Protein backbone atom coordinates (compact mmCIF):
# COMPACT_ATOMS: atom_id res chain seq x y z
CA UNK A 1 -59.50 34.91 60.00
CA UNK A 2 -60.47 36.30 63.39
CA UNK A 3 -62.27 39.64 63.32
CA UNK A 4 -59.56 41.30 65.44
CA UNK A 5 -56.85 40.29 62.92
CA UNK A 6 -58.94 41.63 60.05
CA UNK A 7 -59.39 44.99 61.76
CA UNK A 8 -55.66 45.25 62.42
CA UNK A 9 -54.83 44.47 58.76
CA UNK A 10 -57.30 47.06 57.48
CA UNK A 11 -55.82 49.67 59.84
CA UNK A 12 -52.31 48.99 58.50
CA UNK A 13 -53.56 49.37 54.91
CA UNK A 14 -55.14 52.76 55.74
CA UNK A 15 -51.93 54.00 57.34
CA UNK A 16 -49.88 52.93 54.29
CA UNK A 17 -52.34 54.73 51.95
CA UNK A 18 -52.11 57.98 53.98
CA UNK A 19 -48.31 57.84 53.88
CA UNK A 20 -48.30 57.38 50.07
CA UNK A 21 -50.65 60.40 49.67
CA UNK A 22 -48.49 62.58 51.90
CA UNK A 23 -45.34 61.71 49.93
CA UNK A 24 -46.97 62.55 46.59
CA UNK A 25 -48.75 65.72 47.75
CA UNK A 26 -47.24 69.14 46.80
CA UNK A 27 -45.43 70.96 49.61
CA UNK A 28 -47.65 73.12 51.79
CA UNK A 29 -46.79 76.85 51.65
CA UNK A 30 -46.04 78.38 55.06
CA UNK A 31 -48.60 80.87 56.37
CA UNK A 32 -47.91 84.54 55.62
CA UNK A 33 -45.42 85.96 58.07
CA UNK A 34 -46.54 88.66 60.46
CA UNK A 35 -44.83 92.05 60.41
CA UNK A 36 -41.61 91.71 62.34
CA UNK A 37 -41.14 93.78 65.49
CA UNK A 38 -38.91 96.82 65.03
CA UNK A 39 -35.25 96.46 65.69
CA UNK A 40 -33.86 98.72 68.37
CA UNK A 41 -31.54 100.51 65.97
CA UNK A 42 -28.21 101.97 66.99
CA UNK A 43 -28.59 104.41 64.08
CA UNK A 44 -30.88 106.64 66.12
CA UNK A 45 -29.25 109.76 67.55
CA UNK A 46 -28.63 109.91 71.28
CA UNK A 47 -28.17 107.07 73.70
CA UNK A 48 -30.20 104.39 75.41
CA UNK A 49 -31.41 105.13 78.93
CA UNK A 50 -32.15 102.14 81.14
CA UNK A 51 -34.46 102.42 84.15
CA UNK A 52 -36.08 99.95 86.51
CA UNK A 53 -39.21 100.24 84.34
CA UNK A 54 -37.45 99.68 81.05
CA UNK A 55 -35.45 101.65 78.51
CA UNK A 56 -35.91 104.41 75.93
CA UNK A 57 -33.77 106.65 73.71
CA UNK A 58 -32.59 110.07 74.93
CA UNK A 59 -31.16 112.76 72.67
CA UNK A 60 -29.42 115.71 74.39
CA UNK A 61 -28.05 118.94 72.97
CA UNK A 62 -26.54 121.88 74.84
CA UNK A 63 -26.58 125.55 73.81
CA UNK A 64 -24.83 128.57 75.30
CA UNK A 65 -27.07 131.46 76.32
CA UNK A 66 -25.54 133.55 73.53
CA UNK A 67 -26.57 130.95 70.93
CA UNK A 68 -28.59 132.70 68.23
CA UNK A 69 -31.71 131.09 66.81
CA UNK A 70 -33.18 133.45 64.24
CA UNK A 71 -32.67 137.11 65.22
CA UNK A 72 -32.47 136.50 68.98
CA UNK A 73 -30.23 134.80 71.51
CA UNK A 74 -31.53 132.39 74.13
CA UNK A 75 -30.33 134.65 76.92
CA UNK A 76 -32.48 137.51 75.59
CA UNK A 77 -35.45 135.90 77.31
CA UNK A 78 -34.17 137.13 80.68
CA UNK A 79 -34.38 140.76 79.64
CA UNK A 80 -38.11 140.49 80.36
CA UNK A 81 -40.17 140.10 83.50
CA UNK A 82 -42.47 137.28 84.49
CA UNK A 83 -45.31 139.75 85.09
CA UNK A 84 -45.36 140.38 81.34
CA UNK A 85 -45.65 136.64 80.78
CA UNK A 86 -48.52 136.49 83.29
CA UNK A 87 -50.43 139.24 81.53
CA UNK A 88 -49.66 137.73 78.14
CA UNK A 89 -50.94 134.30 79.20
CA UNK A 90 -53.65 135.67 81.48
CA UNK A 91 -52.28 133.35 84.13
CA UNK A 92 -51.38 135.07 87.39
CA UNK A 93 -49.35 132.05 88.51
CA UNK A 94 -46.67 133.12 86.02
CA UNK A 95 -46.13 136.45 87.81
CA UNK A 96 -44.15 134.79 90.60
CA UNK A 97 -42.10 132.52 88.34
CA UNK A 98 -38.46 132.87 87.45
CA UNK A 99 -38.37 132.66 83.64
CA UNK A 100 -35.36 130.35 83.98
CA UNK A 101 -37.57 127.79 85.69
CA UNK A 102 -40.00 127.40 82.78
CA UNK A 103 -39.90 124.26 80.64
CA UNK A 104 -40.33 124.52 76.86
CA UNK A 105 -42.37 121.48 75.90
CA UNK A 106 -43.40 119.95 72.57
CA UNK A 107 -44.66 116.46 71.68
CA UNK A 108 -44.93 114.26 68.60
CA UNK A 109 -47.79 111.76 68.60
CA UNK A 110 -49.44 108.99 66.60
CA UNK A 111 -52.47 111.16 65.86
CA UNK A 112 -53.36 114.81 65.53
CA UNK A 113 -56.89 114.47 66.90
CA UNK A 114 -55.84 113.21 70.33
CA UNK A 115 -57.80 110.66 72.33
CA UNK A 116 -56.98 107.70 74.56
CA UNK A 117 -55.59 105.68 71.65
CA UNK A 118 -53.01 108.31 70.70
CA UNK A 119 -49.45 107.64 71.84
CA UNK A 120 -46.90 110.32 72.69
CA UNK A 121 -43.77 108.80 71.18
CA UNK A 122 -41.44 111.81 71.34
CA UNK A 123 -41.23 114.62 73.89
CA UNK A 124 -38.95 117.61 73.41
CA UNK A 125 -38.06 119.40 76.65
CA UNK A 126 -35.99 122.58 76.79
CA UNK A 127 -34.63 123.74 80.15
CA UNK A 128 -32.31 126.49 81.31
CA UNK A 129 -29.64 124.89 83.49
CA UNK A 130 -26.91 127.19 84.75
CA UNK A 131 -25.39 129.04 81.82
CA UNK A 132 -26.84 126.67 79.22
CA UNK A 133 -30.07 125.83 77.46
CA UNK A 134 -30.45 122.05 77.46
CA UNK A 135 -32.66 120.31 74.92
CA UNK A 136 -33.66 116.78 75.89
CA UNK A 137 -35.73 114.59 73.57
CA UNK A 138 -37.31 111.43 74.94
CA UNK A 139 -38.00 108.93 72.14
CA UNK A 140 -40.11 105.78 72.51
CA UNK A 141 -38.57 103.14 70.25
CA UNK A 142 -41.39 100.73 71.02
CA UNK A 143 -44.76 101.19 72.79
CA UNK A 144 -43.46 98.97 75.58
CA UNK A 145 -41.07 101.77 76.57
CA UNK A 146 -43.86 104.23 77.40
CA UNK A 147 -43.84 103.79 81.17
CA UNK A 148 -40.06 104.22 81.48
CA UNK A 149 -40.11 107.30 79.26
CA UNK A 150 -43.01 109.05 80.99
CA UNK A 151 -41.76 108.39 84.49
CA UNK A 152 -38.33 109.79 83.61
CA UNK A 153 -39.97 112.83 82.03
CA UNK A 154 -42.04 113.50 85.16
CA UNK A 155 -38.92 113.26 87.32
CA UNK A 156 -36.99 115.65 85.07
CA UNK A 157 -39.85 118.17 85.25
CA UNK A 158 -39.98 118.15 89.04
CA UNK A 159 -38.08 121.42 89.45
CA UNK A 160 -39.95 123.35 86.75
CA UNK A 161 -42.36 126.07 87.81
CA UNK A 162 -44.40 126.01 84.61
CA UNK A 163 -44.63 125.31 80.90
CA UNK A 164 -44.12 127.16 77.66
CA UNK A 165 -45.89 125.46 74.75
CA UNK A 166 -47.40 126.17 71.36
CA UNK A 167 -51.00 124.95 71.53
CA UNK A 168 -50.02 122.82 74.50
CA UNK A 169 -53.08 123.75 76.54
CA UNK A 170 -55.39 122.09 74.03
CA UNK A 171 -53.11 119.31 72.75
CA UNK A 172 -49.74 118.41 74.28
CA UNK A 173 -50.52 118.55 78.00
CA UNK A 174 -53.94 116.82 77.84
CA UNK A 175 -52.34 114.00 75.85
CA UNK A 176 -49.51 113.62 78.33
CA UNK A 177 -52.03 113.59 81.18
CA UNK A 178 -54.04 110.89 79.38
CA UNK A 179 -51.00 108.69 78.82
CA UNK A 180 -49.89 109.13 82.44
CA UNK A 181 -53.38 108.15 83.59
CA UNK A 182 -53.15 105.02 81.42
CA UNK A 183 -50.03 103.90 83.31
CA UNK A 184 -51.48 104.70 86.73
CA UNK A 185 -49.86 108.12 87.15
CA UNK A 186 -52.91 110.36 87.00
CA UNK A 187 -52.14 113.95 87.98
CA UNK A 188 -48.38 113.35 87.98
CA UNK A 189 -47.70 116.60 86.12
CA UNK A 190 -49.64 118.66 88.65
CA UNK A 191 -51.02 122.15 88.09
CA UNK A 192 -48.42 124.67 86.99
CA UNK A 193 -48.21 128.08 85.36
CA UNK A 194 -48.61 127.89 81.60
CA UNK A 195 -47.63 130.25 78.79
CA UNK A 196 -49.27 128.95 75.61
CA UNK A 197 -47.69 130.94 72.77
CA UNK A 198 -50.37 130.14 70.20
CA UNK A 199 -52.96 132.62 71.46
CA UNK A 200 -50.76 135.75 71.69
CA UNK A 201 -49.18 134.77 68.35
CA UNK A 202 -52.65 134.74 66.82
CA UNK A 203 -53.43 138.15 68.30
CA UNK A 204 -50.29 139.48 66.68
CA UNK A 205 -50.18 137.72 63.32
CA UNK A 206 -53.57 136.34 62.29
CA UNK A 207 -54.14 139.38 60.03
CA UNK A 208 -50.55 139.48 58.77
CA UNK A 209 -49.68 135.86 57.92
CA UNK A 210 -51.38 133.12 55.87
CA UNK A 211 -51.49 130.99 59.04
CA UNK A 212 -50.30 131.17 62.64
CA UNK A 213 -48.55 127.81 62.62
CA UNK A 214 -45.20 127.82 64.38
CA UNK A 215 -43.39 126.97 61.14
CA UNK A 216 -45.01 129.89 59.31
CA UNK A 217 -44.07 132.37 62.05
CA UNK A 218 -40.58 130.91 62.24
CA UNK A 219 -40.06 131.37 58.50
CA UNK A 220 -41.89 134.64 57.85
CA UNK A 221 -40.99 136.60 60.99
CA UNK A 222 -37.66 135.14 62.13
CA UNK A 223 -36.36 134.09 58.68
CA UNK A 224 -35.27 130.71 60.00
CA UNK A 225 -34.71 128.19 57.20
CA UNK A 226 -34.95 124.56 58.21
CA UNK A 227 -32.79 121.91 56.61
CA UNK A 228 -34.19 119.69 53.88
CA UNK A 229 -34.33 116.87 56.42
CA UNK A 230 -37.34 118.52 58.07
CA UNK A 231 -40.73 116.87 57.66
CA UNK A 232 -44.29 118.29 57.55
CA UNK A 233 -46.00 117.76 60.90
CA UNK A 234 -49.04 116.07 59.36
CA UNK A 235 -46.85 113.22 58.06
CA UNK A 236 -45.26 112.43 61.41
CA UNK A 237 -47.91 110.03 62.81
CA UNK A 238 -47.69 107.75 59.76
CA UNK A 239 -43.89 107.93 59.77
CA UNK A 240 -43.81 106.59 63.31
CA UNK A 241 -46.22 103.78 62.47
CA UNK A 242 -43.99 102.86 59.52
CA UNK A 243 -41.00 102.86 61.86
CA UNK A 244 -42.75 100.45 64.22
CA UNK A 245 -43.47 98.17 61.27
CA UNK A 246 -40.03 98.22 59.63
CA UNK A 247 -37.56 99.32 62.30
CA UNK A 248 -35.94 101.71 59.78
CA UNK A 249 -34.77 104.77 61.77
CA UNK A 250 -34.25 107.08 58.77
CA UNK A 251 -37.49 109.01 59.05
CA UNK A 252 -37.26 109.13 62.84
CA UNK A 253 -34.05 111.13 62.57
CA UNK A 254 -36.05 113.67 60.54
CA UNK A 255 -38.86 113.71 63.11
CA UNK A 256 -36.38 114.26 65.94
CA UNK A 257 -34.89 117.19 64.00
CA UNK A 258 -38.39 118.64 63.44
CA UNK A 259 -39.19 118.40 67.14
CA UNK A 260 -35.89 120.01 68.13
CA UNK A 261 -36.51 122.96 65.82
CA UNK A 262 -39.99 123.44 67.28
CA UNK A 263 -38.59 123.69 70.82
CA UNK A 264 -35.78 126.06 69.84
CA UNK A 265 -38.17 128.28 67.90
CA UNK A 266 -40.51 128.45 70.90
CA UNK A 267 -37.71 130.11 72.89
CA UNK A 268 -37.26 132.71 70.15
CA UNK A 269 -41.02 133.24 69.82
CA UNK A 270 -41.50 133.58 73.59
CA UNK A 271 -38.74 136.20 73.76
CA UNK A 272 -40.21 138.06 70.80
CA UNK A 273 -43.76 138.07 72.19
CA UNK A 274 -42.59 139.25 75.61
CA UNK A 275 -40.72 142.11 73.94
CA UNK A 276 -43.67 143.09 71.76
CA UNK A 277 -46.30 142.94 74.46
CA UNK A 278 -44.17 144.49 77.20
CA UNK A 279 -44.03 147.59 75.00
CA UNK A 280 -47.79 147.43 74.54
CA UNK A 281 -48.49 146.95 78.24
CA UNK A 282 -46.28 149.88 79.22
CA UNK A 283 -47.72 152.30 76.66
CA UNK A 284 -51.41 151.45 76.50
CA UNK A 285 -54.23 152.70 78.69
CA UNK A 286 -56.65 150.23 80.34
CA UNK A 287 -59.17 150.59 77.52
CA UNK A 288 -56.71 149.56 74.82
CA UNK A 289 -55.60 146.17 76.11
CA UNK A 290 -56.73 144.32 73.01
CA UNK A 291 -54.92 146.54 70.55
CA UNK A 292 -52.30 144.94 68.35
CA UNK A 293 -48.78 146.40 68.71
CA UNK A 294 -46.08 146.75 66.10
CA UNK A 295 -44.42 143.30 65.98
CA UNK A 296 -41.15 144.40 64.38
CA UNK A 297 -39.78 147.12 66.65
CA UNK A 298 -38.68 144.95 69.64
CA UNK A 299 -36.51 142.74 67.43
CA UNK A 300 -35.02 145.79 65.73
CA UNK A 301 -34.29 147.37 69.12
CA UNK A 302 -32.55 144.25 70.39
CA UNK A 303 -30.44 143.98 67.25
CA UNK A 304 -29.50 147.68 67.41
CA UNK A 305 -28.39 147.30 71.02
CA UNK A 306 -26.15 144.35 70.13
CA UNK A 307 -24.64 146.08 67.13
CA UNK A 308 -23.75 149.10 69.25
CA UNK A 309 -22.03 146.91 71.84
CA UNK A 310 -20.44 144.57 69.28
CA UNK A 311 -19.27 146.42 66.15
CA UNK A 312 -18.42 143.17 64.37
């Protein structure tokens, strides 16, 4: 037999042997599946906003100026002057601002320590527009929506003269600036007047309350009771990561509620602090500027005025 024929026969025998082994071998298990990408759920509150850069979820709520959150109405803010806000914040830029032009800003993020790897996945923005207070919440359903969300936020902030935040100077605004830099929009927020409520709240309550967290002030001073759907702030980063993994929007509805309450309570706190410190500024002498005023009387005065004008 020629050598070439022998090689061909041996090759056929090897092929037949491999086929027999494959038929008798146990089935191969598929590799473990990767976590599926989140579904863009229609169960989230609000509506989808589509832009040339992509889409994101927007939740909007509208409140009349006589809407009461805690002991005060939103419109009570305008009983005070921007010069009080400037002295309270130690920011002279606030002195020339119309209080109606300030934006109440709060963020929810994937980490509480900050840093370049921390995402801002929810921004709550409260604005006075005409005879309403408008609360807009920009929610990032997927990290790919970041650019569309942030660019829309910057555009919506264009007419605002400044910010009102709670610890925003150290946390919220630096994180937003970092994320904008990451998408090539460095400095897009610009330099604006800033009333950070944390520091005057500490001056007023650090010796009176167990902590000066917004939730503690909201509960102890304004007697605002949140619904059971609220969530502790320290759990929010993990909740969002779980949402990205599963696509289940249940916990995100709770986070959106938490963020909304933070923004609404900042309006009440800002009004309260302006009332308290305006009394202090008008009564003190230059040597007593660090004294701590009575925090209860301005609220009582406002309530008494309303009761006199509205006997119901």
